[in-house]
Amino acid sequence: MSNHQEELDRHFAWFEGKLPPKPAKFVGWLRRPSSRYARIPLAILLIVGGIFSFLPVLGLWMLPLGLLLFAQDVPVLQKPMARMFGWIERKWIERQRAKTMQ
């Protein structure tokens, strides 16, 4: 397993920890290697939904989630996604600290 794959797994685990139990269980199921044939179409749908985020119901949140799922199976995307989610995680933590200090 590459270093970037390990980093993505860590980000997935962090993300799962932020979710309620049922969605977290679904994300855990999606991460399994046996769920590849469900993960790839879902990732594509999320990416397309993120691109069309200007429409009602769809949102920009769909794009990074779709890319993260897609990076599980496309090694070329693993390094940029690991970097992007590292940045997102750092910003999230900074924001949480700023809220608690107020």
PDB file of N, CA and C in Angstrom:
ATOM      1  N   MET A   1       0.849  -1.174   0.000  1.00  0.00           N
ATOM      2  CA  MET A   1       0.000   0.000   0.000  1.00  0.00           C
ATOM      3  C   MET A   1       0.896   1.238   0.000  1.00  0.00           C
ATOM      4  N   SER A   2       0.609   2.196  -0.875  1.00  0.00           N
ATOM      5  CA  SER A   2       1.438   3.387  -0.979  1.00  0.00           C
ATOM      6  C   SER A   2       1.175   4.337   0.192  1.00  0.00           C
ATOM      7  N   ASN A   3       2.103   5.248   0.378  1.00  0.00           N
ATOM      8  CA  ASN A   3       1.978   6.245   1.429  1.00  0.00           C
ATOM      9  C   ASN A   3       0.737   7.114   1.228  1.00  0.00           C
ATOM     10  N   HIS A   4       0.439   7.442  -0.034  1.00  0.00           N
ATOM     11  CA  HIS A   4      -0.722   8.274  -0.329  1.00  0.00           C
ATOM     12  C   HIS A   4      -2.027   7.524  -0.056  1.00  0.00           C
ATOM     13  N   GLN A   5      -2.034   6.237  -0.329  1.00  0.00           N
ATOM     14  CA  GLN A   5      -3.218   5.428  -0.030  1.00  0.00           C
ATOM     15  C   GLN A   5      -3.454   5.377   1.481  1.00  0.00           C
ATOM     16  N   GLU A   6      -2.380   5.247   2.237  1.00  0.00           N
ATOM     17  CA  GLU A   6      -2.497   5.249   3.696  1.00  0.00           C
ATOM     18  C   GLU A   6      -3.027   6.588   4.199  1.00  0.00           C
ATOM     19  N   GLU A   7      -2.560   7.672   3.588  1.00  0.00           N
ATOM     20  CA  GLU A   7      -3.034   9.007   3.958  1.00  0.00           C
ATOM     21  C   GLU A   7      -4.520   9.163   3.635  1.00  0.00           C
ATOM     22  N   LEU A   8      -4.944   8.666   2.482  1.00  0.00           N
ATOM     23  CA  LEU A   8      -6.366   8.709   2.126  1.00  0.00           C
ATOM     24  C   LEU A   8      -7.196   7.885   3.100  1.00  0.00           C
ATOM     25  N   ASP A   9      -6.681   6.737   3.488  1.00  0.00           N
ATOM     26  CA  ASP A   9      -7.399   5.906   4.471  1.00  0.00           C
ATOM     27  C   ASP A   9      -7.553   6.647   5.794  1.00  0.00           C
ATOM     28  N   ARG A  10      -6.519   7.379   6.196  1.00  0.00           N
ATOM     29  CA  ARG A  10      -6.597   8.152   7.423  1.00  0.00           C
ATOM     30  C   ARG A  10      -7.657   9.248   7.307  1.00  0.00           C
ATOM     31  N   HIS A  11      -7.710   9.910   6.148  1.00  0.00           N
ATOM     32  CA  HIS A  11      -8.724  10.953   5.942  1.00  0.00           C
ATOM     33  C   HIS A  11     -10.131  10.360   5.917  1.00  0.00           C
ATOM     34  N   PHE A  12     -10.270   9.199   5.302  1.00  0.00           N
ATOM     35  CA  PHE A  12     -11.569   8.518   5.311  1.00  0.00           C
ATOM     36  C   PHE A  12     -11.991   8.200   6.740  1.00  0.00           C
ATOM     37  N   ALA A  13     -11.060   7.702   7.545  1.00  0.00           N
ATOM     38  CA  ALA A  13     -11.375   7.357   8.929  1.00  0.00           C
ATOM     39  C   ALA A  13     -11.779   8.618   9.704  1.00  0.00           C
ATOM     40  N   TRP A  14     -11.089   9.720   9.460  1.00  0.00           N
ATOM     41  CA  TRP A  14     -11.433  10.979  10.116  1.00  0.00           C
ATOM     42  C   TRP A  14     -12.831  11.425   9.690  1.00  0.00           C
ATOM     43  N   PHE A  15     -13.093  11.311   8.393  1.00  0.00           N
ATOM     44  CA  PHE A  15     -14.400  11.697   7.847  1.00  0.00           C
ATOM     45  C   PHE A  15     -15.513  10.820   8.431  1.00  0.00           C
ATOM     46  N   GLU A  16     -15.267   9.530   8.500  1.00  0.00           N
ATOM     47  CA  GLU A  16     -16.249   8.606   9.073  1.00  0.00           C
ATOM     48  C   GLU A  16     -16.542   8.947  10.527  1.00  0.00           C
ATOM     49  N   GLY A  17     -15.531   9.386  11.249  1.00  0.00           N
ATOM     50  CA  GLY A  17     -15.711   9.750  12.641  1.00  0.00           C
ATOM     51  C   GLY A  17     -16.613  10.961  12.828  1.00  0.00           C
ATOM     52  N   LYS A  18     -16.727  11.791  11.806  1.00  0.00           N
ATOM     53  CA  LYS A  18     -17.574  12.983  11.867  1.00  0.00           C
ATOM     54  C   LYS A  18     -19.026  12.688  11.487  1.00  0.00           C
ATOM     55  N   LEU A  19     -19.276  11.519  10.918  1.00  0.00           N
ATOM     56  CA  LEU A  19     -20.613  11.181  10.442  1.00  0.00           C
ATOM     57  C   LEU A  19     -21.435  10.468  11.513  1.00  0.00           C
ATOM     58  N   PRO A  20     -22.766  10.559  11.391  1.00  0.00           N
ATOM     59  CA  PRO A  20     -23.628   9.732  12.255  1.00  0.00           C
ATOM     60  C   PRO A  20     -23.394   8.247  11.950  1.00  0.00           C
ATOM     61  N   PRO A  21     -23.809   7.329  12.836  1.00  0.00           N
ATOM     62  CA  PRO A  21     -23.479   5.903  12.683  1.00  0.00           C
ATOM     63  C   PRO A  21     -23.895   5.264  11.353  1.00  0.00           C
ATOM     64  N   LYS A  22     -25.121   5.491  10.891  1.00  0.00           N
ATOM     65  CA  LYS A  22     -25.558   4.824   9.654  1.00  0.00           C
ATOM     66  C   LYS A  22     -24.782   5.302   8.420  1.00  0.00           C
ATOM     67  N   PRO A  23     -24.635   6.629   8.193  1.00  0.00           N
ATOM     68  CA  PRO A  23     -23.807   7.043   7.055  1.00  0.00           C
ATOM     69  C   PRO A  23     -22.352   6.595   7.189  1.00  0.00           C
ATOM     70  N   ALA A  24     -21.834   6.567   8.416  1.00  0.00           N
ATOM     71  CA  ALA A  24     -20.455   6.112   8.620  1.00  0.00           C
ATOM     72  C   ALA A  24     -20.308   4.641   8.233  1.00  0.00           C
ATOM     73  N   LYS A  25     -21.310   3.847   8.556  1.00  0.00           N
ATOM     74  CA  LYS A  25     -21.282   2.424   8.187  1.00  0.00           C
ATOM     75  C   LYS A  25     -21.306   2.269   6.664  1.00  0.00           C
ATOM     76  N   PHE A  26     -22.112   3.108   5.984  1.00  0.00           N
ATOM     77  CA  PHE A  26     -22.185   3.067   4.519  1.00  0.00           C
ATOM     78  C   PHE A  26     -20.843   3.449   3.900  1.00  0.00           C
ATOM     79  N   VAL A  27     -20.206   4.489   4.418  1.00  0.00           N
ATOM     80  CA  VAL A  27     -18.897   4.906   3.905  1.00  0.00           C
ATOM     81  C   VAL A  27     -17.875   3.802   4.151  1.00  0.00           C
ATOM     82  N   GLY A  28     -17.939   3.165   5.307  1.00  0.00           N
ATOM     83  CA  GLY A  28     -17.048   2.034   5.590  1.00  0.00           C
ATOM     84  C   GLY A  28     -17.240   0.905   4.596  1.00  0.00           C
ATOM     85  N   TRP A  29     -18.488   0.644   4.250  1.00  0.00           N
ATOM     86  CA  TRP A  29     -18.777  -0.391   3.258  1.00  0.00           C
ATOM     87  C   TRP A  29     -18.228   0.012   1.889  1.00  0.00           C
ATOM     88  N   LEU A  30     -18.371   1.288   1.533  1.00  0.00           N
ATOM     89  CA  LEU A  30     -17.863   1.764   0.240  1.00  0.00           C
ATOM     90  C   LEU A  30     -16.351   1.633   0.129  1.00  0.00           C
ATOM     91  N   ARG A  31     -15.660   1.733   1.238  1.00  0.00           N
ATOM     92  CA  ARG A  31     -14.197   1.668   1.225  1.00  0.00           C
ATOM     93  C   ARG A  31     -13.659   0.267   0.998  1.00  0.00           C
ATOM     94  N   ARG A  32     -14.470  -0.742   1.219  1.00  0.00           N
ATOM     95  CA  ARG A  32     -13.997  -2.122   1.039  1.00  0.00           C
ATOM     96  C   ARG A  32     -13.638  -2.381  -0.425  1.00  0.00           C
ATOM     97  N   PRO A  33     -12.614  -3.175  -0.659  1.00  0.00           N
ATOM     98  CA  PRO A  33     -12.259  -3.511  -2.049  1.00  0.00           C
ATOM     99  C   PRO A  33     -13.401  -4.201  -2.807  1.00  0.00           C
ATOM    100  N   SER A  34     -14.234  -4.956  -2.111  1.00  0.00           N
ATOM    101  CA  SER A  34     -15.333  -5.652  -2.777  1.00  0.00           C
ATOM    102  C   SER A  34     -16.431  -4.703  -3.255  1.00  0.00           C
ATOM    103  N   SER A  35     -16.417  -3.449  -2.795  1.00  0.00           N
ATOM    104  CA  SER A  35     -17.436  -2.471  -3.180  1.00  0.00           C
ATOM    105  C   SER A  35     -17.017  -1.603  -4.358  1.00  0.00           C
ATOM    106  N   ARG A  36     -15.978  -2.006  -5.049  1.00  0.00           N
ATOM    107  CA  ARG A  36     -15.442  -1.209  -6.149  1.00  0.00           C
ATOM    108  C   ARG A  36     -16.484  -0.906  -7.215  1.00  0.00           C
ATOM    109  N   TYR A  37     -17.314  -1.875  -7.550  1.00  0.00           N
ATOM    110  CA  TYR A  37     -18.289  -1.675  -8.626  1.00  0.00           C
ATOM    111  C   TYR A  37     -19.449  -0.779  -8.203  1.00  0.00           C
ATOM    112  N   ALA A  38     -19.612  -0.547  -6.943  1.00  0.00           N
ATOM    113  CA  ALA A  38     -20.595   0.435  -6.454  1.00  0.00           C
ATOM    114  C   ALA A  38     -19.909   1.787  -6.245  1.00  0.00           C
ATOM    115  N   ARG A  39     -18.644   1.762  -5.822  1.00  0.00           N
ATOM    116  CA  ARG A  39     -17.912   2.981  -5.499  1.00  0.00           C
ATOM    117  C   ARG A  39     -17.642   3.843  -6.729  1.00  0.00           C
ATOM    118  N   ILE A  40     -17.235   3.237  -7.829  1.00  0.00           N
ATOM    119  CA  ILE A  40     -16.871   4.010  -9.025  1.00  0.00           C
ATOM    120  C   ILE A  40     -18.081   4.741  -9.616  1.00  0.00           C
ATOM    121  N   PRO A  41     -19.220   4.083  -9.852  1.00  0.00           N
ATOM    122  CA  PRO A  41     -20.374   4.841 -10.374  1.00  0.00           C
ATOM    123  C   PRO A  41     -20.859   5.923  -9.404  1.00  0.00           C
ATOM    124  N   LEU A  42     -20.830   5.630  -8.102  1.00  0.00           N
ATOM    125  CA  LEU A  42     -21.245   6.630  -7.122  1.00  0.00           C
ATOM    126  C   LEU A  42     -20.294   7.827  -7.148  1.00  0.00           C
ATOM    127  N   ALA A  43     -19.006   7.562  -7.271  1.00  0.00           N
ATOM    128  CA  ALA A  43     -18.024   8.650  -7.342  1.00  0.00           C
ATOM    129  C   ALA A  43     -18.280   9.521  -8.567  1.00  0.00           C
ATOM    130  N   ILE A  44     -18.557   8.897  -9.696  1.00  0.00           N
ATOM    131  CA  ILE A  44     -18.831   9.657 -10.923  1.00  0.00           C
ATOM    132  C   ILE A  44     -20.096  10.498 -10.755  1.00  0.00           C
ATOM    133  N   LEU A  45     -21.136   9.928 -10.164  1.00  0.00           N
ATOM    134  CA  LEU A  45     -22.373  10.685  -9.934  1.00  0.00           C
ATOM    135  C   LEU A  45     -22.129  11.873  -8.990  1.00  0.00           C
ATOM    136  N   LEU A  46     -21.342  11.671  -7.954  1.00  0.00           N
ATOM    137  CA  LEU A  46     -21.036  12.763  -7.035  1.00  0.00           C
ATOM    138  C   LEU A  46     -20.224  13.865  -7.713  1.00  0.00           C
ATOM    139  N   ILE A  47     -19.273  13.487  -8.556  1.00  0.00           N
ATOM    140  CA  ILE A  47     -18.467  14.474  -9.277  1.00  0.00           C
ATOM    141  C   ILE A  47     -19.351  15.290 -10.215  1.00  0.00           C
ATOM    142  N   VAL A  48     -20.205  14.616 -10.964  1.00  0.00           N
ATOM    143  CA  VAL A  48     -21.115  15.317 -11.875  1.00  0.00           C
ATOM    144  C   VAL A  48     -22.069  16.209 -11.075  1.00  0.00           C
ATOM    145  N   GLY A  49     -22.584  15.711  -9.968  1.00  0.00           N
ATOM    146  CA  GLY A  49     -23.457  16.517  -9.114  1.00  0.00           C
ATOM    147  C   GLY A  49     -22.746  17.735  -8.566  1.00  0.00           C
ATOM    148  N   GLY A  50     -21.477  17.593  -8.241  1.00  0.00           N
ATOM    149  CA  GLY A  50     -20.693  18.729  -7.758  1.00  0.00           C
ATOM    150  C   GLY A  50     -20.444  19.760  -8.833  1.00  0.00           C
ATOM    151  N   ILE A  51     -20.262  19.298 -10.066  1.00  0.00           N
ATOM    152  CA  ILE A  51     -20.063  20.224 -11.186  1.00  0.00           C
ATOM    153  C   ILE A  51     -21.337  21.033 -11.422  1.00  0.00           C
ATOM    154  N   PHE A  52     -22.493  20.391 -11.277  1.00  0.00           N
ATOM    155  CA  PHE A  52     -23.774  21.076 -11.476  1.00  0.00           C
ATOM    156  C   PHE A  52     -24.345  21.570 -10.147  1.00  0.00           C
ATOM    157  N   SER A  53     -23.483  22.049  -9.276  1.00  0.00           N
ATOM    158  CA  SER A  53     -23.913  22.471  -7.941  1.00  0.00           C
ATOM    159  C   SER A  53     -24.793  23.715  -7.955  1.00  0.00           C
ATOM    160  N   PHE A  54     -24.866  24.391  -9.080  1.00  0.00           N
ATOM    161  CA  PHE A  54     -25.720  25.579  -9.162  1.00  0.00           C
ATOM    162  C   PHE A  54     -27.201  25.196  -9.208  1.00  0.00           C
ATOM    163  N   LEU A  55     -27.499  23.941  -9.454  1.00  0.00           N
ATOM    164  CA  LEU A  55     -28.883  23.480  -9.474  1.00  0.00           C
ATOM    165  C   LEU A  55     -29.367  23.205  -8.048  1.00  0.00           C
ATOM    166  N   PRO A  56     -30.676  23.321  -7.813  1.00  0.00           N
ATOM    167  CA  PRO A  56     -31.181  22.998  -6.468  1.00  0.00           C
ATOM    168  C   PRO A  56     -30.899  21.526  -6.112  1.00  0.00           C
ATOM    169  N   VAL A  57     -30.759  21.231  -4.872  1.00  0.00           N
ATOM    170  CA  VAL A  57     -30.523  19.911  -4.293  1.00  0.00           C
ATOM    171  C   VAL A  57     -29.056  19.486  -4.408  1.00  0.00           C
ATOM    172  N   LEU A  58     -28.416  19.773  -5.511  1.00  0.00           N
ATOM    173  CA  LEU A  58     -27.019  19.384  -5.672  1.00  0.00           C
ATOM    174  C   LEU A  58     -26.144  20.409  -4.968  1.00  0.00           C
ATOM    175  N   GLY A  59     -24.974  19.985  -4.549  1.00  0.00           N
ATOM    176  CA  GLY A  59     -24.108  20.907  -3.832  1.00  0.00           C
ATOM    177  C   GLY A  59     -22.647  20.706  -4.164  1.00  0.00           C
ATOM    178  N   LEU A  60     -21.867  21.715  -3.873  1.00  0.00           N
ATOM    179  CA  LEU A  60     -20.439  21.665  -4.131  1.00  0.00           C
ATOM    180  C   LEU A  60     -19.744  20.613  -3.263  1.00  0.00           C
ATOM    181  N   TRP A  61     -20.353  20.242  -2.145  1.00  0.00           N
ATOM    182  CA  TRP A  61     -19.779  19.226  -1.259  1.00  0.00           C
ATOM    183  C   TRP A  61     -19.629  17.880  -1.966  1.00  0.00           C
ATOM    184  N   MET A  62     -20.407  17.679  -3.024  1.00  0.00           N
ATOM    185  CA  MET A  62     -20.389  16.394  -3.734  1.00  0.00           C
ATOM    186  C   MET A  62     -19.086  16.180  -4.488  1.00  0.00           C
ATOM    187  N   LEU A  63     -18.478  17.257  -4.976  1.00  0.00           N
ATOM    188  CA  LEU A  63     -17.264  17.143  -5.793  1.00  0.00           C
ATOM    189  C   LEU A  63     -16.085  16.545  -5.025  1.00  0.00           C
ATOM    190  N   PRO A  64     -15.688  17.099  -3.875  1.00  0.00           N
ATOM    191  CA  PRO A  64     -14.546  16.480  -3.180  1.00  0.00           C
ATOM    192  C   PRO A  64     -14.833  15.056  -2.691  1.00  0.00           C
ATOM    193  N   LEU A  65     -16.067  14.800  -2.283  1.00  0.00           N
ATOM    194  CA  LEU A  65     -16.403  13.446  -1.851  1.00  0.00           C
ATOM    195  C   LEU A  65     -16.296  12.463  -3.018  1.00  0.00           C
ATOM    196  N   GLY A  66     -16.788  12.853  -4.181  1.00  0.00           N
ATOM    197  CA  GLY A  66     -16.674  12.003  -5.367  1.00  0.00           C
ATOM    198  C   GLY A  66     -15.224  11.772  -5.761  1.00  0.00           C
ATOM    199  N   LEU A  67     -14.410  12.827  -5.702  1.00  0.00           N
ATOM    200  CA  LEU A  67     -12.988  12.678  -6.035  1.00  0.00           C
ATOM    201  C   LEU A  67     -12.273  11.774  -5.037  1.00  0.00           C
ATOM    202  N   LEU A  68     -12.648  11.894  -3.770  1.00  0.00           N
ATOM    203  CA  LEU A  68     -12.037  11.029  -2.752  1.00  0.00           C
ATOM    204  C   LEU A  68     -12.382   9.566  -3.002  1.00  0.00           C
ATOM    205  N   LEU A  69     -13.637   9.303  -3.327  1.00  0.00           N
ATOM    206  CA  LEU A  69     -14.032   7.919  -3.625  1.00  0.00           C
ATOM    207  C   LEU A  69     -13.334   7.410  -4.884  1.00  0.00           C
ATOM    208  N   PHE A  70     -13.242   8.258  -5.889  1.00  0.00           N
ATOM    209  CA  PHE A  70     -12.607   7.872  -7.151  1.00  0.00           C
ATOM    210  C   PHE A  70     -11.112   7.610  -6.945  1.00  0.00           C
ATOM    211  N   ALA A  71     -10.481   8.376  -6.047  1.00  0.00           N
ATOM    212  CA  ALA A  71      -9.046   8.212  -5.790  1.00  0.00           C
ATOM    213  C   ALA A  71      -8.726   6.862  -5.163  1.00  0.00           C
ATOM    214  N   GLN A  72      -9.704   6.211  -4.549  1.00  0.00           N
ATOM    215  CA  GLN A  72      -9.479   4.873  -3.997  1.00  0.00           C
ATOM    216  C   GLN A  72      -9.039   3.890  -5.081  1.00  0.00           C
ATOM    217  N   ASP A  73      -9.511   4.110  -6.308  1.00  0.00           N
ATOM    218  CA  ASP A  73      -9.243   3.171  -7.398  1.00  0.00           C
ATOM    219  C   ASP A  73      -8.317   3.714  -8.481  1.00  0.00           C
ATOM    220  N   VAL A  74      -8.000   4.995  -8.442  1.00  0.00           N
ATOM    221  CA  VAL A  74      -7.145   5.612  -9.463  1.00  0.00           C
ATOM    222  C   VAL A  74      -5.891   6.149  -8.773  1.00  0.00           C
ATOM    223  N   PRO A  75      -4.787   5.416  -8.858  1.00  0.00           N
ATOM    224  CA  PRO A  75      -3.565   5.806  -8.137  1.00  0.00           C
ATOM    225  C   PRO A  75      -3.053   7.205  -8.480  1.00  0.00           C
ATOM    226  N   VAL A  76      -3.276   7.678  -9.694  1.00  0.00           N
ATOM    227  CA  VAL A  76      -2.804   9.006 -10.101  1.00  0.00           C
ATOM    228  C   VAL A  76      -3.456  10.101  -9.252  1.00  0.00           C
ATOM    229  N   LEU A  77      -4.678   9.897  -8.810  1.00  0.00           N
ATOM    230  CA  LEU A  77      -5.398  10.893  -8.011  1.00  0.00           C
ATOM    231  C   LEU A  77      -5.073  10.832  -6.523  1.00  0.00           C
ATOM    232  N   GLN A  78      -4.390   9.794  -6.082  1.00  0.00           N
ATOM    233  CA  GLN A  78      -4.178   9.612  -4.648  1.00  0.00           C
ATOM    234  C   GLN A  78      -3.323  10.710  -4.022  1.00  0.00           C
ATOM    235  N   LYS A  79      -2.238  11.104  -4.659  1.00  0.00           N
ATOM    236  CA  LYS A  79      -1.378  12.138  -4.083  1.00  0.00           C
ATOM    237  C   LYS A  79      -2.098  13.484  -4.011  1.00  0.00           C
ATOM    238  N   PRO A  80      -2.711  13.983  -5.117  1.00  0.00           N
ATOM    239  CA  PRO A  80      -3.392  15.278  -4.997  1.00  0.00           C
ATOM    240  C   PRO A  80      -4.569  15.248  -4.020  1.00  0.00           C
ATOM    241  N   MET A  81      -5.280  14.138  -3.947  1.00  0.00           N
ATOM    242  CA  MET A  81      -6.418  14.054  -3.020  1.00  0.00           C
ATOM    243  C   MET A  81      -5.936  14.002  -1.573  1.00  0.00           C
ATOM    244  N   ALA A  82      -4.830  13.306  -1.331  1.00  0.00           N
ATOM    245  CA  ALA A  82      -4.275  13.259   0.026  1.00  0.00           C
ATOM    246  C   ALA A  82      -3.851  14.657   0.466  1.00  0.00           C
ATOM    247  N   ARG A  83      -3.230  15.412  -0.442  1.00  0.00           N
ATOM    248  CA  ARG A  83      -2.846  16.787  -0.128  1.00  0.00           C
ATOM    249  C   ARG A  83      -4.067  17.664   0.124  1.00  0.00           C
ATOM    250  N   MET A  84      -5.060  17.559  -0.757  1.00  0.00           N
ATOM    251  CA  MET A  84      -6.250  18.393  -0.633  1.00  0.00           C
ATOM    252  C   MET A  84      -6.977  18.112   0.684  1.00  0.00           C
ATOM    253  N   PHE A  85      -7.150  16.858   1.019  1.00  0.00           N
ATOM    254  CA  PHE A  85      -7.863  16.522   2.235  1.00  0.00           C
ATOM    255  C   PHE A  85      -7.034  16.803   3.485  1.00  0.00           C
ATOM    256  N   GLY A  86      -5.721  16.782   3.359  1.00  0.00           N
ATOM    257  CA  GLY A  86      -4.877  17.219   4.462  1.00  0.00           C
ATOM    258  C   GLY A  86      -5.106  18.698   4.745  1.00  0.00           C
ATOM    259  N   TRP A  87      -5.179  19.494   3.690  1.00  0.00           N
ATOM    260  CA  TRP A  87      -5.444  20.925   3.830  1.00  0.00           C
ATOM    261  C   TRP A  87      -6.834  21.160   4.432  1.00  0.00           C
ATOM    262  N   ILE A  88      -7.845  20.433   3.927  1.00  0.00           N
ATOM    263  CA  ILE A  88      -9.212  20.566   4.444  1.00  0.00           C
ATOM    264  C   ILE A  88      -9.262  20.200   5.927  1.00  0.00           C
ATOM    265  N   GLU A  89      -8.599  19.127   6.285  1.00  0.00           N
ATOM    266  CA  GLU A  89      -8.597  18.690   7.692  1.00  0.00           C
ATOM    267  C   GLU A  89      -7.934  19.734   8.586  1.00  0.00           C
ATOM    268  N   ARG A  90      -6.809  20.301   8.133  1.00  0.00           N
ATOM    269  CA  ARG A  90      -6.141  21.337   8.923  1.00  0.00           C
ATOM    270  C   ARG A  90      -7.039  22.556   9.109  1.00  0.00           C
ATOM    271  N   LYS A  91      -7.704  22.979   8.038  1.00  0.00           N
ATOM    272  CA  LYS A  91      -8.608  24.133   8.126  1.00  0.00           C
ATOM    273  C   LYS A  91      -9.786  23.835   9.044  1.00  0.00           C
ATOM    274  N   TRP A  92     -10.301  22.631   8.990  1.00  0.00           N
ATOM    275  CA  TRP A  92     -11.414  22.227   9.843  1.00  0.00           C
ATOM    276  C   TRP A  92     -11.002  22.323  11.326  1.00  0.00           C
ATOM    277  N   ILE A  93      -9.832  21.786  11.619  1.00  0.00           N
ATOM    278  CA  ILE A  93      -9.338  21.794  12.998  1.00  0.00           C
ATOM    279  C   ILE A  93      -9.100  23.235  13.469  1.00  0.00           C
ATOM    280  N   GLU A  94      -8.513  24.067  12.612  1.00  0.00           N
ATOM    281  CA  GLU A  94      -8.293  25.474  12.959  1.00  0.00           C
ATOM    282  C   GLU A  94      -9.627  26.169  13.244  1.00  0.00           C
ATOM    283  N   ARG A  95     -10.611  25.884  12.441  1.00  0.00           N
ATOM    284  CA  ARG A  95     -11.922  26.511  12.619  1.00  0.00           C
ATOM    285  C   ARG A  95     -12.574  26.051  13.929  1.00  0.00           C
ATOM    286  N   GLN A  96     -12.446  24.758  14.244  1.00  0.00           N
ATOM    287  CA  GLN A  96     -13.003  24.244  15.497  1.00  0.00           C
ATOM    288  C   GLN A  96     -12.299  24.880  16.703  1.00  0.00           C
ATOM    289  N   ARG A  97     -10.993  25.039  16.615  1.00  0.00           N
ATOM    290  CA  ARG A  97     -10.248  25.684  17.720  1.00  0.00           C
ATOM    291  C   ARG A  97     -10.680  27.131  17.884  1.00  0.00           C
ATOM    292  N   ALA A  98     -10.864  27.840  16.762  1.00  0.00           N
ATOM    293  CA  ALA A  98     -11.280  29.239  16.827  1.00  0.00           C
ATOM    294  C   ALA A  98     -12.668  29.358  17.463  1.00  0.00           C
ATOM    295  N   LYS A  99     -13.555  28.410  17.183  1.00  0.00           N
ATOM    296  CA  LYS A  99     -14.896  28.437  17.772  1.00  0.00           C
ATOM    297  C   LYS A  99     -14.852  28.222  19.281  1.00  0.00           C
ATOM    298  N   THR A 100     -13.974  27.338  19.735  1.00  0.00           N
ATOM    299  CA  THR A 100     -13.911  27.042  21.166  1.00  0.00           C
ATOM    300  C   THR A 100     -13.242  28.181  21.947  1.00  0.00           C
ATOM    301  N   MET A 101     -12.429  28.977  21.292  1.00  0.00           N
ATOM    302  CA  MET A 101     -11.740  30.074  21.980  1.00  0.00           C
ATOM    303  C   MET A 101     -12.635  31.314  22.103  1.00  0.00           C
ATOM    304  N   GLN A 102     -13.737  31.358  21.410  1.00  0.00           N
ATOM    305  CA  GLN A 102     -14.614  32.537  21.450  1.00  0.00           C
ATOM    306  C   GLN A 102     -15.386  32.620  22.717  1.00  0.00           C
TER     307      GLN A 102
END
